[in-house]
């Protein structure tokens, strides 16, 4: 993850070196040659994904001459990706984002004992139908809609027993499939309240600048430029629903017709194409992607 970028581009190496120094950990070595189990720990995975996203962004800016400031209509990130979006928009420093994601990962992991929480994807249901399944499955426990990813892909999160009931109920309520997800904690649900409080404390002293372009946040699914509203949103998203479908639809309605996913993976590109039908979309996560994505970026 990100190794090819660092090997080929100085702009990427600078990002990995800064995050390693900020965290006092050779995170880049863990990403490229360490234990997969250790990397998958939430406290490592979150800053690692940030590192790849910002390294890719800096390379893309250097290679195309197109910068976020003045040339991008809006930025957005899915869950922890919102931190990458805020760094891209100049709202938060890279060092602060890395430190906050380390705290966020630790706090989320500690909020619920291992085995007591779970998440599941309900495929073929819209958000309203998934919320009905979640209410029926709760039976006094927590079962919340964690992600509305669009295209009939909604994720629920909460107590393991409640999620098991949701998985059992969903096919009879119209789902094509219901699948338990291999996660270490039940993210984006009410069980994360202790983690949200920890993030409120961690974010309080952080200086946030007005972003150079609007940030379409997970909680509001709307473009936000006020730093204090962004700060509140980062706390709220720990327990709140990631409204990705609505976020992309809002950007499309505002006239944005070209989307570039930056960082590891291409999942969001597929979702965007299905939500904002007719848009131009592509992804950049490594050197091999550069020429394919260049026309999208350079217009």
Protein backbone atom coordinates (compact mmCIF):
# COMPACT_ATOMS: atom_id res chain seq x y z
CA UNK A 1 0.00 0.00 0.00
CA UNK A 2 1.75 3.12 -1.25
CA UNK A 3 5.17 1.50 -1.70
CA UNK A 4 5.26 2.01 -5.47
CA UNK A 5 4.38 5.69 -4.99
CA UNK A 6 7.20 6.15 -2.50
CA UNK A 7 9.67 4.31 -4.72
CA UNK A 8 8.94 6.48 -7.74
CA UNK A 9 7.99 9.91 -6.41
CA UNK A 10 9.76 12.17 -3.91
CA UNK A 11 6.46 13.92 -3.16
CA UNK A 12 5.09 10.66 -1.78
CA UNK A 13 8.20 9.85 0.25
CA UNK A 14 7.91 13.18 2.06
CA UNK A 15 4.38 12.27 3.22
CA UNK A 16 5.34 8.83 4.55
CA UNK A 17 8.40 10.27 6.31
CA UNK A 18 6.31 12.98 7.98
CA UNK A 19 3.73 10.49 9.27
CA UNK A 20 6.44 8.13 10.53
CA UNK A 21 8.07 11.01 12.40
CA UNK A 22 4.76 12.33 13.74
CA UNK A 23 3.70 8.97 15.17
CA UNK A 24 7.19 7.97 16.33
CA UNK A 25 6.67 4.69 14.48
CA UNK A 26 8.00 3.28 11.23
CA UNK A 27 4.46 2.90 9.92
CA UNK A 28 5.63 2.81 6.30
CA UNK A 29 7.80 -0.26 7.03
CA UNK A 30 4.81 -1.95 8.66
CA UNK A 31 2.72 -1.17 5.58
CA UNK A 32 5.25 -2.54 3.12
CA UNK A 33 6.88 -5.47 4.91
CA UNK A 34 5.26 -5.95 8.30
CA UNK A 35 2.60 -8.22 9.74
CA UNK A 36 -0.80 -7.96 8.07
CA UNK A 37 -2.45 -8.62 11.42
CA UNK A 38 -0.59 -5.71 13.00
CA UNK A 39 -1.35 -3.40 10.09
CA UNK A 40 -5.04 -4.31 10.27
CA UNK A 41 -5.27 -3.07 13.85
CA UNK A 42 -7.54 -0.05 13.66
CA UNK A 43 -4.97 2.25 15.26
CA UNK A 44 -2.47 1.41 12.49
CA UNK A 45 -4.87 1.01 9.56
CA UNK A 46 -6.43 4.46 9.94
CA UNK A 47 -3.22 6.55 9.73
CA UNK A 48 -1.88 4.15 7.06
CA UNK A 49 -4.84 4.86 4.81
CA UNK A 50 -4.39 8.58 5.43
CA UNK A 51 -0.72 8.28 4.43
CA UNK A 52 -1.54 6.61 1.12
CA UNK A 53 -4.31 9.08 0.28
CA UNK A 54 -2.21 12.19 0.90
CA UNK A 55 0.88 10.69 -0.75
CA UNK A 56 -1.20 9.96 -3.84
CA UNK A 57 -2.71 13.45 -3.76
CA UNK A 58 0.69 15.14 -3.57
CA UNK A 59 1.97 13.05 -6.48
CA UNK A 60 -1.10 13.84 -8.56
CA UNK A 61 -0.74 17.56 -7.88
CA UNK A 62 2.97 17.48 -8.76
CA UNK A 63 2.53 15.45 -11.93
CA UNK A 64 -0.50 17.30 -13.33
CA UNK A 65 0.02 20.81 -11.98
CA UNK A 66 -3.60 20.80 -10.81
CA UNK A 67 -3.99 21.72 -7.14
CA UNK A 68 -6.95 21.45 -4.78
CA UNK A 69 -6.74 25.16 -3.96
CA UNK A 70 -8.65 27.00 -6.67
CA UNK A 71 -9.18 24.07 -9.02
CA UNK A 72 -11.39 21.63 -7.10
CA UNK A 73 -15.09 22.24 -6.49
CA UNK A 74 -15.37 20.09 -3.35
CA UNK A 75 -13.74 17.23 -1.45
CA UNK A 76 -15.29 14.37 0.50
CA UNK A 77 -14.08 11.27 2.28
CA UNK A 78 -15.78 8.09 3.43
CA UNK A 79 -15.55 7.66 7.22
CA UNK A 80 -11.87 8.04 8.18
CA UNK A 81 -11.34 9.34 4.63
CA UNK A 82 -12.92 12.58 5.78
CA UNK A 83 -9.62 13.32 7.54
CA UNK A 84 -7.77 12.95 4.23
CA UNK A 85 -10.30 15.27 2.62
CA UNK A 86 -9.70 17.87 5.33
CA UNK A 87 -5.92 17.68 4.86
CA UNK A 88 -6.39 18.00 1.09
CA UNK A 89 -8.50 21.12 1.63
CA UNK A 90 -5.96 22.70 3.98
CA UNK A 91 -8.34 22.58 6.93
CA UNK A 92 -6.11 20.30 9.02
CA UNK A 93 -2.38 19.59 8.98
CA UNK A 94 -1.13 16.15 8.00
CA UNK A 95 0.51 15.71 11.40
CA UNK A 96 -2.67 16.57 13.30
CA UNK A 97 -4.70 14.21 11.11
CA UNK A 98 -2.27 11.33 11.73
CA UNK A 99 -2.32 11.89 15.48
CA UNK A 100 -6.10 12.18 15.56
CA UNK A 101 -6.58 8.99 13.54
CA UNK A 102 -4.28 7.11 15.91
CA UNK A 103 -6.44 8.32 18.82
CA UNK A 104 -9.63 7.57 16.86
CA UNK A 105 -8.50 4.03 16.09
CA UNK A 106 -7.53 3.31 19.69
CA UNK A 107 -10.75 4.83 21.02
CA UNK A 108 -12.98 2.91 18.61
CA UNK A 109 -11.26 -0.37 19.41
CA UNK A 110 -11.56 0.24 23.16
CA UNK A 111 -15.23 1.31 23.05
CA UNK A 112 -16.64 -2.22 22.70
CA UNK A 113 -15.06 -5.46 23.95
CA UNK A 114 -14.00 -7.81 21.15
CA UNK A 115 -16.84 -10.09 20.14
CA UNK A 116 -19.64 -7.95 21.54
CA UNK A 117 -20.16 -5.88 18.39
CA UNK A 118 -20.58 -6.62 14.70
CA UNK A 119 -21.40 -5.07 11.33
CA UNK A 120 -23.26 -6.44 8.31
CA UNK A 121 -23.96 -5.33 4.76
CA UNK A 122 -27.60 -5.52 3.69
CA UNK A 123 -27.51 -5.72 -0.10
CA UNK A 124 -30.48 -4.76 -2.21
CA UNK A 125 -32.15 -2.53 0.41
CA UNK A 126 -32.36 1.25 0.43
CA UNK A 127 -31.72 3.18 3.63
CA UNK A 128 -35.38 3.37 4.66
CA UNK A 129 -35.85 -0.41 4.33
CA UNK A 130 -32.58 -1.08 6.15
CA UNK A 131 -33.61 1.21 9.00
CA UNK A 132 -36.84 -0.78 9.33
CA UNK A 133 -34.85 -4.03 9.54
CA UNK A 134 -32.52 -2.46 12.12
CA UNK A 135 -35.44 -1.34 14.30
CA UNK A 136 -37.02 -4.78 14.15
CA UNK A 137 -33.73 -6.54 14.90
CA UNK A 138 -32.70 -4.32 17.81
CA UNK A 139 -34.97 -5.81 20.50
CA UNK A 140 -33.61 -3.35 23.05
CA UNK A 141 -30.02 -3.57 21.82
CA UNK A 142 -28.13 -1.29 19.42
CA UNK A 143 -28.65 -1.87 15.71
CA UNK A 144 -28.03 1.28 13.67
CA UNK A 145 -27.50 2.13 10.01
CA UNK A 146 -23.76 2.83 9.84
CA UNK A 147 -23.23 3.44 6.13
CA UNK A 148 -25.58 4.34 3.31
CA UNK A 149 -23.19 3.62 0.45
CA UNK A 150 -25.74 3.77 -2.34
CA UNK A 151 -26.82 1.27 -4.99
CA UNK A 152 -28.71 -0.77 -2.43
CA UNK A 153 -25.67 -1.22 -0.20
CA UNK A 154 -26.44 -0.31 3.40
CA UNK A 155 -24.36 -1.38 6.41
CA UNK A 156 -25.75 -1.90 9.90
CA UNK A 157 -23.73 -1.87 13.11
CA UNK A 158 -24.31 -2.65 16.77
CA UNK A 159 -24.48 -5.49 19.27
CA UNK A 160 -23.43 -8.79 17.72
CA UNK A 161 -26.70 -10.50 18.61
CA UNK A 162 -28.78 -7.67 17.11
CA UNK A 163 -26.72 -7.73 13.92
CA UNK A 164 -27.21 -11.49 13.68
CA UNK A 165 -30.97 -10.93 13.90
CA UNK A 166 -30.75 -8.26 11.17
CA UNK A 167 -28.88 -10.67 8.89
CA UNK A 168 -31.56 -13.31 9.47
CA UNK A 169 -34.43 -10.87 8.90
CA UNK A 170 -33.13 -9.00 5.89
CA UNK A 171 -33.82 -11.55 3.10
CA UNK A 172 -37.48 -11.74 4.11
CA UNK A 173 -37.62 -7.92 4.01
CA UNK A 174 -36.34 -7.74 0.43
CA UNK A 175 -32.55 -7.93 0.73
CA UNK A 176 -30.74 -9.86 -1.97
CA UNK A 177 -28.08 -10.85 0.56
CA UNK A 178 -27.01 -10.01 4.08
CA UNK A 179 -23.35 -10.50 4.90
CA UNK A 180 -21.44 -10.15 8.16
CA UNK A 181 -18.35 -7.97 7.71
CA UNK A 182 -14.88 -8.87 9.01
CA UNK A 183 -14.41 -5.84 11.26
CA UNK A 184 -12.71 -5.38 14.61
CA UNK A 185 -15.42 -3.18 16.13
CA UNK A 186 -18.98 -1.94 15.41
CA UNK A 187 -18.21 1.44 13.84
CA UNK A 188 -20.66 4.31 13.30
CA UNK A 189 -23.28 3.27 15.82
CA UNK A 190 -24.40 4.24 19.30
CA UNK A 191 -21.93 1.83 20.91
CA UNK A 192 -19.14 4.17 19.80
CA UNK A 193 -20.29 6.92 22.20
CA UNK A 194 -17.16 6.60 24.41
CA UNK A 195 -14.99 7.00 21.30
CA UNK A 196 -16.96 10.07 20.24
CA UNK A 197 -16.33 11.66 23.61
CA UNK A 198 -12.62 10.86 23.32
CA UNK A 199 -12.55 12.53 19.90
CA UNK A 200 -14.33 15.59 21.28
CA UNK A 201 -11.48 15.96 23.78
CA UNK A 202 -8.78 15.28 21.18
CA UNK A 203 -10.21 17.73 18.66
CA UNK A 204 -10.75 20.59 21.12
CA UNK A 205 -7.19 21.99 20.99
CA UNK A 206 -6.65 21.32 17.27
CA UNK A 207 -6.47 24.41 15.08
CA UNK A 208 -8.70 24.07 12.04
CA UNK A 209 -8.48 26.51 9.14
CA UNK A 210 -11.22 27.41 6.70
CA UNK A 211 -10.92 24.85 3.87
CA UNK A 212 -9.81 26.09 0.44
CA UNK A 213 -12.89 24.38 -1.02
CA UNK A 214 -16.07 23.05 0.59
CA UNK A 215 -15.92 19.71 2.38
CA UNK A 216 -19.00 17.53 1.90
CA UNK A 217 -19.16 15.88 5.30
CA UNK A 218 -20.43 12.42 6.24
CA UNK A 219 -22.85 13.70 8.85
CA UNK A 220 -24.41 16.59 6.93
CA UNK A 221 -24.08 15.23 3.37
CA UNK A 222 -23.69 18.89 2.42
CA UNK A 223 -20.78 21.25 1.65
CA UNK A 224 -19.36 22.77 4.84
CA UNK A 225 -16.73 25.50 5.12
CA UNK A 226 -17.04 26.61 8.75
CA UNK A 227 -14.19 25.08 10.80
CA UNK A 228 -16.30 24.74 13.94
CA UNK A 229 -19.05 22.92 12.06
CA UNK A 230 -16.38 20.60 10.66
CA UNK A 231 -15.04 19.97 14.18
CA UNK A 232 -18.53 19.07 15.43
CA UNK A 233 -19.04 16.81 12.42
CA UNK A 234 -15.88 14.83 13.13
CA UNK A 235 -17.19 14.05 16.60
CA UNK A 236 -20.69 13.23 15.35
CA UNK A 237 -19.47 10.89 12.60
CA UNK A 238 -18.00 8.46 15.17
CA UNK A 239 -21.53 7.39 16.13
CA UNK A 240 -23.41 8.73 13.10
CA UNK A 241 -24.30 7.35 9.69
CA UNK A 242 -21.87 7.82 6.81
CA UNK A 243 -24.26 9.37 4.27
CA UNK A 244 -22.18 8.61 1.21
CA UNK A 245 -25.06 8.19 -1.25
CA UNK A 246 -26.50 11.57 -0.29
CA UNK A 247 -23.06 13.20 -0.33
CA UNK A 248 -22.33 12.12 -3.90
CA UNK A 249 -25.88 12.98 -5.00
CA UNK A 250 -25.46 16.46 -3.51
CA UNK A 251 -22.18 17.05 -5.34
CA UNK A 252 -23.77 15.88 -8.58
CA UNK A 253 -26.79 18.15 -8.04
CA UNK A 254 -24.39 21.05 -7.48
CA UNK A 255 -22.99 20.49 -10.96
CA UNK A 256 -19.94 18.37 -10.20
CA UNK A 257 -19.60 15.83 -13.00
CA UNK A 258 -16.01 14.60 -12.57
CA UNK A 259 -14.87 12.62 -9.53
CA UNK A 260 -11.39 11.33 -8.71
CA UNK A 261 -10.87 8.80 -5.92
CA UNK A 262 -7.43 9.25 -4.39
CA UNK A 263 -5.75 6.60 -2.24
CA UNK A 264 -5.92 2.86 -1.72
CA UNK A 265 -8.62 0.97 -3.60
CA UNK A 266 -11.31 1.74 -6.16
CA UNK A 267 -14.51 0.92 -4.28
CA UNK A 268 -15.74 4.50 -4.06
CA UNK A 269 -15.29 5.01 -7.80
CA UNK A 270 -17.76 2.23 -8.49
CA UNK A 271 -20.24 3.63 -6.00
CA UNK A 272 -19.94 7.14 -7.44
CA UNK A 273 -20.61 5.92 -10.99
CA UNK A 274 -23.81 4.25 -9.83
CA UNK A 275 -25.01 7.22 -7.77
CA UNK A 276 -24.07 10.06 -10.14
CA UNK A 277 -25.01 8.33 -13.37
CA UNK A 278 -23.29 9.78 -16.40
CA UNK A 279 -20.42 11.28 -14.42
CA UNK A 280 -16.75 10.86 -15.24
CA UNK A 281 -14.93 9.01 -12.46
CA UNK A 282 -11.59 7.37 -11.92
CA UNK A 283 -9.08 6.51 -9.23
CA UNK A 284 -5.43 7.18 -8.47
CA UNK A 285 -3.56 5.02 -5.99
CA UNK A 286 -0.28 4.21 -7.70
CA UNK A 287 2.01 5.00 -10.64
CA UNK A 288 0.13 2.66 -12.98
CA UNK A 289 -3.02 4.79 -12.59
CA UNK A 290 -1.43 8.10 -13.56
CA UNK A 291 -1.99 8.22 -17.31
CA UNK A 292 -5.54 6.85 -17.06
CA UNK A 293 -6.59 9.47 -14.53
CA UNK A 294 -4.65 12.41 -16.00
CA UNK A 295 -7.43 13.43 -18.47
CA UNK A 296 -9.96 13.59 -15.63
CA UNK A 297 -7.74 15.81 -13.53
CA UNK A 298 -6.47 18.06 -16.28
CA UNK A 299 -9.94 18.41 -17.80
